Amino acid sequence: MTTVASVRRRPPRVPYDLFDAPELACVDALRSVLEIAVAAVLAANPELLTEEPLERRDDLPAQVWIADAIVADARTLRAALDRYRAALDAREREPERPDDDDIPF
């Protein structure tokens, strides 16, 4: 069964949050748009919400099979966006290294 993933809400971004990683604005926006797109695709194709696997149903139109692929691809992209965001968050938590540029050799 395909379901709409739960959205992990984050506070809205402010310019200060984006100084070190401005791409996070797009990452967060894309993730939100993916959630909306998946919800719309599932609403338009309720066959995807049944318990019965699609592989057992050969009577479905091509639109449903393509919709299933869109939902699966959106899930994959969402996971990649989450990994990217986690990597940036981990980078922010790393202790700052001293600047070694002033070593006289």
Protein backbone atom coordinates (compact mmCIF):
# COMPACT_ATOMS: atom_id res chain seq x y z
CA MET A 1 0.00 0.00 0.00
CA THR A 2 1.25 3.48 -0.84
CA THR A 3 0.71 6.24 1.69
CA VAL A 4 1.58 9.87 2.02
CA ALA A 5 4.73 10.18 4.12
CA SER A 6 4.59 12.21 7.27
CA VAL A 7 6.11 15.63 6.93
CA ARG A 8 8.77 16.54 9.43
CA ARG A 9 8.02 20.19 10.01
CA ARG A 10 10.94 22.52 10.42
CA PRO A 11 10.78 26.16 11.33
CA PRO A 12 10.75 28.52 8.35
CA ARG A 13 14.15 29.52 7.07
CA VAL A 14 15.42 33.03 7.62
CA PRO A 15 18.32 34.61 5.72
CA TYR A 16 20.72 34.02 8.60
CA ASP A 17 20.04 30.25 8.38
CA LEU A 18 21.04 30.27 4.72
CA PHE A 19 24.44 32.00 4.93
CA ASP A 20 26.40 28.76 5.13
CA ALA A 21 24.11 26.64 2.94
CA PRO A 22 21.81 28.72 0.73
CA GLU A 23 20.76 25.60 -1.18
CA LEU A 24 18.71 24.56 1.86
CA ALA A 25 15.99 26.96 0.74
CA CYS A 26 15.56 24.93 -2.45
CA VAL A 27 15.97 21.60 -0.66
CA ASP A 28 13.20 22.47 1.79
CA ALA A 29 10.95 23.89 -0.93
CA LEU A 30 11.43 20.83 -3.16
CA ARG A 31 10.64 18.49 -0.29
CA SER A 32 7.41 20.38 0.42
CA VAL A 33 6.42 20.34 -3.25
CA LEU A 34 7.10 16.59 -3.39
CA GLU A 35 4.71 16.04 -0.47
CA ILE A 36 1.98 18.00 -2.25
CA ALA A 37 2.62 16.23 -5.56
CA VAL A 38 2.46 12.78 -3.97
CA ALA A 39 -0.79 13.66 -2.20
CA ALA A 40 -2.29 14.89 -5.48
CA VAL A 41 -1.15 11.82 -7.44
CA LEU A 42 -2.58 9.52 -4.76
CA ALA A 43 -5.86 11.45 -4.71
CA ALA A 44 -6.11 11.13 -8.49
CA ASN A 45 -5.23 7.42 -8.38
CA PRO A 46 -6.91 5.90 -5.32
CA GLU A 47 -6.09 2.44 -6.67
CA LEU A 48 -2.63 3.03 -5.23
CA LEU A 49 -4.07 3.18 -1.72
CA THR A 50 -5.41 -0.36 -1.68
CA GLU A 51 -3.82 -3.18 0.29
CA GLU A 52 -3.56 -5.39 -2.81
CA PRO A 53 -0.17 -5.09 -4.56
CA LEU A 54 -0.35 -3.59 -8.05
CA GLU A 55 1.54 -6.56 -9.47
CA ARG A 56 -1.55 -8.70 -8.87
CA ARG A 57 -3.80 -6.32 -10.80
CA ASP A 58 -3.37 -6.40 -14.56
CA ASP A 59 -6.63 -4.54 -15.18
CA LEU A 60 -5.20 -1.12 -14.27
CA PRO A 61 -4.63 1.59 -16.88
CA ALA A 62 -1.13 2.81 -17.69
CA GLN A 63 -1.81 6.03 -15.78
CA VAL A 64 -1.94 4.10 -12.50
CA TRP A 65 1.34 2.31 -13.17
CA ILE A 66 3.02 5.60 -14.05
CA ALA A 67 1.53 7.25 -10.95
CA ASP A 68 2.99 4.43 -8.85
CA ALA A 69 6.41 5.08 -10.40
CA ILE A 70 6.08 8.81 -9.66
CA VAL A 71 5.26 8.10 -6.02
CA ALA A 72 8.20 5.68 -5.72
CA ASP A 73 10.59 8.14 -7.38
CA ALA A 74 9.34 10.93 -5.12
CA ARG A 75 10.05 8.73 -2.10
CA THR A 76 13.60 8.13 -3.37
CA LEU A 77 14.19 11.83 -4.02
CA ARG A 78 12.75 12.72 -0.60
CA ALA A 79 15.20 10.32 1.05
CA ALA A 80 18.11 11.85 -0.90
CA LEU A 81 17.04 15.34 0.14
CA ASP A 82 16.87 14.22 3.77
CA ARG A 83 20.36 12.71 3.54
CA TYR A 84 21.70 15.91 1.97
CA ARG A 85 20.12 18.03 4.68
CA ALA A 86 21.46 15.69 7.40
CA ALA A 87 24.97 15.97 5.93
CA LEU A 88 24.76 19.76 6.04
CA ASP A 89 23.38 19.67 9.58
CA ALA A 90 26.27 17.40 10.63
CA ARG A 91 28.74 19.79 9.03
CA GLU A 92 27.28 22.64 11.10
CA ARG A 93 27.79 20.61 14.30
CA GLU A 94 31.47 19.92 13.60
CA PRO A 95 33.81 21.95 15.80
CA GLU A 96 35.56 24.74 13.97
CA ARG A 97 39.17 24.03 13.20
CA PRO A 98 41.71 26.70 13.92
CA ASP A 99 42.86 28.61 10.90
CA ASP A 100 46.37 27.37 10.06
CA ASP A 101 47.08 30.04 7.45
CA ASP A 102 49.20 32.09 9.86
CA ILE A 103 51.84 29.40 10.41
CA PRO A 104 55.16 30.97 9.25
CA PHE A 105 56.53 28.13 7.14
